[in-house]
C-alpha atoms as a PDB file:
ATOM      1  CA  MET A   1      81.024  66.783 118.481  1.00  0.00           C
ATOM      2  CA  GLY A   2      79.111  62.951 118.687  1.00  0.00           C
ATOM      3  CA  ARG A   3      76.814  61.386 116.404  1.00  0.00           C
ATOM      4  CA  ARG A   4      74.003  62.775 115.322  1.00  0.00           C
ATOM      5  CA  ILE A   5      71.279  61.326 116.876  1.00  0.00           C
ATOM      6  CA  GLU A   6      67.988  61.330 114.965  1.00  0.00           C
ATOM      7  CA  ILE A   7      65.059  59.227 115.121  1.00  0.00           C
ATOM      8  CA  VAL A   8      63.567  58.155 111.362  1.00  0.00           C
ATOM      9  CA  ASP A   9      60.016  56.467 110.266  1.00  0.00           C
ATOM     10  CA  TYR A  10      60.334  52.279 110.871  1.00  0.00           C
ATOM     11  CA  ASN A  11      62.171  51.062 107.727  1.00  0.00           C
ATOM     12  CA  PRO A  12      59.957  47.874 106.761  1.00  0.00           C
ATOM     13  CA  GLU A  13      63.541  46.976 105.564  1.00  0.00           C
ATOM     14  CA  TRP A  14      65.230  46.719 109.034  1.00  0.00           C
ATOM     15  CA  PRO A  15      64.195  43.396 109.533  1.00  0.00           C
ATOM     16  CA  GLY A  16      65.234  42.096 106.062  1.00  0.00           C
ATOM     17  CA  TRP A  17      69.133  43.947 106.954  1.00  0.00           C
ATOM     18  CA  TYR A  18      69.211  42.325 110.401  1.00  0.00           C
ATOM     19  CA  GLU A  19      68.293  38.454 108.858  1.00  0.00           C
ATOM     20  CA  SER A  20      71.556  39.341 106.461  1.00  0.00           C
ATOM     21  CA  GLU A  21      73.716  40.502 109.389  1.00  0.00           C
ATOM     22  CA  ALA A  22      72.621  37.655 111.927  1.00  0.00           C
ATOM     23  CA  ALA A  23      73.823  35.256 108.924  1.00  0.00           C
ATOM     24  CA  THR A  24      76.889  35.943 108.719  1.00  0.00           C
ATOM     25  CA  LEU A  25      77.034  36.589 112.539  1.00  0.00           C
ATOM     26  CA  ARG A  26      75.690  32.851 113.093  1.00  0.00           C
ATOM     27  CA  GLU A  27      78.649  32.000 110.547  1.00  0.00           C
ATOM     28  CA  ILE A  28      81.170  34.248 112.972  1.00  0.00           C
ATOM     29  CA  PHE A  29      80.336  32.662 116.572  1.00  0.00           C
ATOM     30  CA  GLY A  30      79.854  29.224 114.942  1.00  0.00           C
ATOM     31  CA  GLN A  31      79.107  26.696 117.474  1.00  0.00           C
ATOM     32  CA  GLU A  32      79.674  28.969 120.449  1.00  0.00           C
ATOM     33  CA  LEU A  33      76.338  30.815 119.178  1.00  0.00           C
ATOM     34  CA  VAL A  34      72.991  29.724 121.322  1.00  0.00           C
ATOM     35  CA  ALA A  35      70.376  32.451 120.398  1.00  0.00           C
ATOM     36  CA  ILE A  36      70.617  35.453 117.744  1.00  0.00           C
ATOM     37  CA  HIS A  37      67.957  38.649 118.465  1.00  0.00           C
ATOM     38  CA  HIS A  38      67.165  41.314 116.558  1.00  0.00           C
ATOM     39  CA  ILE A  39      66.623  43.753 119.697  1.00  0.00           C
ATOM     40  CA  GLY A  40      65.826  47.589 120.084  1.00  0.00           C
ATOM     41  CA  SER A  41      63.547  49.851 118.807  1.00  0.00           C
ATOM     42  CA  THR A  42      64.516  48.983 114.842  1.00  0.00           C
ATOM     43  CA  ALA A  43      62.699  45.242 116.034  1.00  0.00           C
ATOM     44  CA  VAL A  44      59.476  46.865 117.217  1.00  0.00           C
ATOM     45  CA  PRO A  45      56.968  47.283 114.002  1.00  0.00           C
ATOM     46  CA  GLY A  46      56.075  50.429 113.283  1.00  0.00           C
ATOM     47  CA  LEU A  47      58.096  52.123 116.013  1.00  0.00           C
ATOM     48  CA  ARG A  48      60.351  55.551 114.937  1.00  0.00           C
ATOM     49  CA  ALA A  49      64.148  54.218 115.558  1.00  0.00           C
ATOM     50  CA  LYS A  50      67.305  55.623 115.384  1.00  0.00           C
ATOM     51  CA  PRO A  51      68.437  54.220 112.366  1.00  0.00           C
ATOM     52  CA  VAL A  52      70.552  51.500 113.475  1.00  0.00           C
ATOM     53  CA  ILE A  53      70.391  47.411 113.564  1.00  0.00           C
ATOM     54  CA  ASP A  54      70.699  46.503 116.656  1.00  0.00           C
ATOM     55  CA  ILE A  55      71.258  42.688 118.133  1.00  0.00           C
ATOM     56  CA  LEU A  56      71.743  40.654 120.535  1.00  0.00           C
ATOM     57  CA  VAL A  57      73.946  37.328 120.412  1.00  0.00           C
ATOM     58  CA  LEU A  58      73.584  35.083 122.923  1.00  0.00           C
ATOM     59  CA  ILE A  59      76.670  32.443 123.601  1.00  0.00           C
ATOM     60  CA  LYS A  60      77.644  29.152 125.099  1.00  0.00           C
ATOM     61  CA  ASP A  61      80.893  30.603 127.173  1.00  0.00           C
ATOM     62  CA  ILE A  62      81.075  35.011 127.749  1.00  0.00           C
ATOM     63  CA  SER A  63      85.128  33.896 128.464  1.00  0.00           C
ATOM     64  CA  LYS A  64      85.679  32.606 124.550  1.00  0.00           C
ATOM     65  CA  VAL A  65      83.905  36.147 123.580  1.00  0.00           C
ATOM     66  CA  ASN A  66      87.297  37.759 122.453  1.00  0.00           C
ATOM     67  CA  ASP A  67      87.586  34.004 120.404  1.00  0.00           C
ATOM     68  CA  PHE A  68      85.736  36.444 118.377  1.00  0.00           C
ATOM     69  CA  ASN A  69      87.131  39.767 117.541  1.00  0.00           C
ATOM     70  CA  GLU A  70      89.512  38.933 114.693  1.00  0.00           C
ATOM     71  CA  GLY A  71      85.960  37.662 113.179  1.00  0.00           C
ATOM     72  CA  MET A  72      84.019  40.760 113.631  1.00  0.00           C
ATOM     73  CA  VAL A  73      86.960  43.213 112.650  1.00  0.00           C
ATOM     74  CA  ARG A  74      86.788  41.533 109.435  1.00  0.00           C
ATOM     75  CA  LEU A  75      82.966  41.961 109.237  1.00  0.00           C
ATOM     76  CA  GLY A  76      83.801  45.986 110.085  1.00  0.00           C
ATOM     77  CA  TYR A  77      82.757  45.976 113.497  1.00  0.00           C
ATOM     78  CA  THR A  78      84.972  47.665 116.253  1.00  0.00           C
ATOM     79  CA  PRO A  79      84.531  45.445 119.795  1.00  0.00           C
ATOM     80  CA  ARG A  80      84.439  48.207 122.476  1.00  0.00           C
ATOM     81  CA  GLY A  81      84.638  45.282 125.097  1.00  0.00           C
ATOM     82  CA  GLU A  82      81.866  46.293 128.413  1.00  0.00           C
ATOM     83  CA  CYS A  83      82.440  49.499 128.196  1.00  0.00           C
ATOM     84  CA  LEU A  84      83.370  49.370 131.993  1.00  0.00           C
ATOM     85  CA  ASP A  85      84.897  53.355 131.763  1.00  0.00           C
ATOM     86  CA  ALA A  86      82.437  55.246 129.120  1.00  0.00           C
ATOM     87  CA  PRO A  87      80.553  58.366 129.983  1.00  0.00           C
ATOM     88  CA  VAL A  88      77.418  55.854 130.692  1.00  0.00           C
ATOM     89  CA  PRO A  89      79.149  52.767 132.072  1.00  0.00           C
ATOM     90  CA  GLY A  90      78.381  48.955 129.721  1.00  0.00           C
ATOM     91  CA  THR A  91      77.474  46.013 132.038  1.00  0.00           C
ATOM     92  CA  PRO A  92      79.790  43.264 133.253  1.00  0.00           C
ATOM     93  CA  GLY A  93      79.358  40.865 131.491  1.00  0.00           C
ATOM     94  CA  ARG A  94      77.792  41.726 128.104  1.00  0.00           C
ATOM     95  CA  PHE A  95      80.186  43.160 125.363  1.00  0.00           C
ATOM     96  CA  TYR A  96      79.201  45.182 122.846  1.00  0.00           C
ATOM     97  CA  PHE A  97      80.871  45.542 118.938  1.00  0.00           C
ATOM     98  CA  SER A  98      79.680  48.630 116.784  1.00  0.00           C
ATOM     99  CA  LYS A  99      79.433  49.041 113.174  1.00  0.00           C
ATOM    100  CA  ASN A 100      80.121  52.210 110.710  1.00  0.00           C
ATOM    101  CA  ASN A 101      79.765  53.426 107.277  1.00  0.00           C
ATOM    102  CA  ALA A 102      81.843  55.828 107.485  1.00  0.00           C
ATOM    103  CA  GLU A 103      80.788  58.459 110.662  1.00  0.00           C
ATOM    104  CA  VAL A 104      76.990  56.251 110.404  1.00  0.00           C
ATOM    105  CA  ARG A 105      77.179  53.422 112.509  1.00  0.00           C
ATOM    106  CA  THR A 106      74.520  51.003 111.197  1.00  0.00           C
ATOM    107  CA  HIS A 107      74.273  48.108 113.337  1.00  0.00           C
ATOM    108  CA  GLN A 108      75.506  47.319 117.375  1.00  0.00           C
ATOM    109  CA  VAL A 109      75.920  43.788 118.265  1.00  0.00           C
ATOM    110  CA  HIS A 110      75.523  43.051 122.197  1.00  0.00           C
ATOM    111  CA  VAL A 111      77.279  40.042 122.881  1.00  0.00           C
ATOM    112  CA  CYS A 112      75.946  37.775 126.405  1.00  0.00           C
ATOM    113  CA  GLY A 113      75.726  34.702 128.067  1.00  0.00           C
ATOM    114  CA  VAL A 114      72.789  32.909 127.864  1.00  0.00           C
ATOM    115  CA  GLY A 115      70.872  33.739 131.162  1.00  0.00           C
ATOM    116  CA  HIS A 116      72.481  37.442 131.707  1.00  0.00           C
ATOM    117  CA  PHE A 117      69.960  39.201 133.111  1.00  0.00           C
ATOM    118  CA  ASP A 118      70.050  42.457 130.478  1.00  0.00           C
ATOM    119  CA  ALA A 119      70.082  40.222 127.334  1.00  0.00           C
ATOM    120  CA  ASP A 120      66.233  38.536 129.085  1.00  0.00           C
ATOM    121  CA  ASP A 121      65.657  42.912 129.814  1.00  0.00           C
ATOM    122  CA  LYS A 122      66.543  43.234 126.750  1.00  0.00           C
ATOM    123  CA  LEU A 123      64.101  40.753 124.602  1.00  0.00           C
ATOM    124  CA  ALA A 124      61.729  41.479 127.775  1.00  0.00           C
ATOM    125  CA  PHE A 125      61.591  45.327 126.463  1.00  0.00           C
ATOM    126  CA  ARG A 126      60.953  43.983 122.847  1.00  0.00           C
ATOM    127  CA  ASP A 127      58.511  41.461 123.439  1.00  0.00           C
ATOM    128  CA  TYR A 128      56.958  43.933 125.385  1.00  0.00           C
ATOM    129  CA  LEU A 129      56.714  47.054 122.979  1.00  0.00           C
ATOM    130  CA  ARG A 130      55.842  44.555 119.489  1.00  0.00           C
ATOM    131  CA  THR A 131      52.234  44.433 121.394  1.00  0.00           C
ATOM    132  CA  GLN A 132      52.010  47.164 123.678  1.00  0.00           C
ATOM    133  CA  PRO A 133      51.564  50.240 121.061  1.00  0.00           C
ATOM    134  CA  GLU A 134      50.356  53.096 123.647  1.00  0.00           C
ATOM    135  CA  VAL A 135      53.882  51.548 124.987  1.00  0.00           C
ATOM    136  CA  ALA A 136      55.500  51.989 121.750  1.00  0.00           C
ATOM    137  CA  ASN A 137      54.171  55.572 120.983  1.00  0.00           C
ATOM    138  CA  GLN A 138      55.079  56.263 124.682  1.00  0.00           C
ATOM    139  CA  TYR A 139      58.749  55.299 124.130  1.00  0.00           C
ATOM    140  CA  THR A 140      58.716  57.232 120.579  1.00  0.00           C
ATOM    141  CA  GLU A 141      57.794  60.378 122.154  1.00  0.00           C
ATOM    142  CA  VAL A 142      60.906  59.697 124.993  1.00  0.00           C
ATOM    143  CA  LYS A 143      63.310  59.266 121.886  1.00  0.00           C
ATOM    144  CA  GLU A 144      62.058  61.822 120.086  1.00  0.00           C
ATOM    145  CA  LEU A 145      62.841  64.559 122.728  1.00  0.00           C
ATOM    146  CA  ALA A 146      65.960  62.961 124.001  1.00  0.00           C
ATOM    147  CA  ALA A 147      66.760  63.599 120.536  1.00  0.00           C
ATOM    148  CA  LYS A 148      65.960  66.874 119.888  1.00  0.00           C
ATOM    149  CA  SER A 149      67.541  67.879 123.184  1.00  0.00           C
ATOM    150  CA  ASN A 150      70.607  65.614 122.673  1.00  0.00           C
ATOM    151  CA  ARG A 151      71.215  65.697 119.238  1.00  0.00           C
ATOM    152  CA  ASN A 152      75.181  65.177 119.024  1.00  0.00           C
ATOM    153  CA  ASN A 153      75.468  64.002 123.128  1.00  0.00           C
ATOM    154  CA  THR A 154      75.119  60.098 122.633  1.00  0.00           C
ATOM    155  CA  VAL A 155      75.503  60.584 126.325  1.00  0.00           C
ATOM    156  CA  GLY A 156      72.601  62.778 126.865  1.00  0.00           C
ATOM    157  CA  TYR A 157      70.340  60.842 124.800  1.00  0.00           C
ATOM    158  CA  MET A 158      70.922  57.649 126.439  1.00  0.00           C
ATOM    159  CA  ASN A 159      70.594  59.453 130.264  1.00  0.00           C
ATOM    160  CA  GLN A 160      67.349  61.292 129.015  1.00  0.00           C
ATOM    161  CA  LYS A 161      65.473  57.948 127.775  1.00  0.00           C
ATOM    162  CA  ASP A 162      66.690  55.865 130.941  1.00  0.00           C
ATOM    163  CA  ALA A 163      64.030  56.439 133.114  1.00  0.00           C
ATOM    164  CA  PHE A 164      61.622  55.311 130.965  1.00  0.00           C
ATOM    165  CA  VAL A 165      63.558  52.478 129.822  1.00  0.00           C
ATOM    166  CA  LYS A 166      64.570  50.756 133.212  1.00  0.00           C
ATOM    167  CA  ALA A 167      60.172  51.438 134.314  1.00  0.00           C
ATOM    168  CA  THR A 168      58.843  49.547 131.065  1.00  0.00           C
ATOM    169  CA  ILE A 169      61.495  46.747 131.552  1.00  0.00           C
ATOM    170  CA  ALA A 170      60.108  46.614 135.439  1.00  0.00           C
ATOM    171  CA  ASP A 171      56.519  46.712 133.721  1.00  0.00           C
ATOM    172  CA  ALA A 172      57.345  43.894 130.840  1.00  0.00           C
ATOM    173  CA  LYS A 173      58.758  41.094 133.240  1.00  0.00           C
ATOM    174  CA  ARG A 174      55.247  41.211 135.073  1.00  0.00           C
ATOM    175  CA  TRP A 175      53.262  41.112 131.640  1.00  0.00           C
ATOM    176  CA  GLN A 176      55.442  38.130 130.753  1.00  0.00           C
ATOM    177  CA  ALA A 177      55.059  36.449 134.307  1.00  0.00           C
ATOM    178  CA  SER A 178      51.684  37.011 134.087  1.00  0.00           C
ATOM    179  CA  GLN A 179      51.611  34.920 130.252  1.00  0.00           C
END
């Protein structure tokens, strides 16, 4: 059985949890760090979400990512690499770290080099949802239906959301270009 997927009401403490974790991550990535961002649904005020803090770390040289594994393990993270062989394959050039409290996922860190397309997509998606409440509401409905249909199936949950997320990223990029 996989992790239980639950969508909960927005928690106004999520930004503070991000800030606290980001401060520690800044120490780990040090001089290699270019930027750090709160991404995902917990970064969109008012949006119902899985209570997992998603963090995007941009570093100067992605070839150095493994240099940070030891520090991330000390913080309680599991280095997962690019997850290219996962049931829903990861993205080349984006490295993933997960942190659990017992069996409950609390944080996910995505590490990319500056200019990686996936980082741009994640930021565009977040910013679009923050400014388009009707789209954010649609995303909530998609997530809730996917969670209900795939309560213990992370792969099914991700696959069920995929078309909506991709279409919204395309809309978000057009919106960004028009700003």
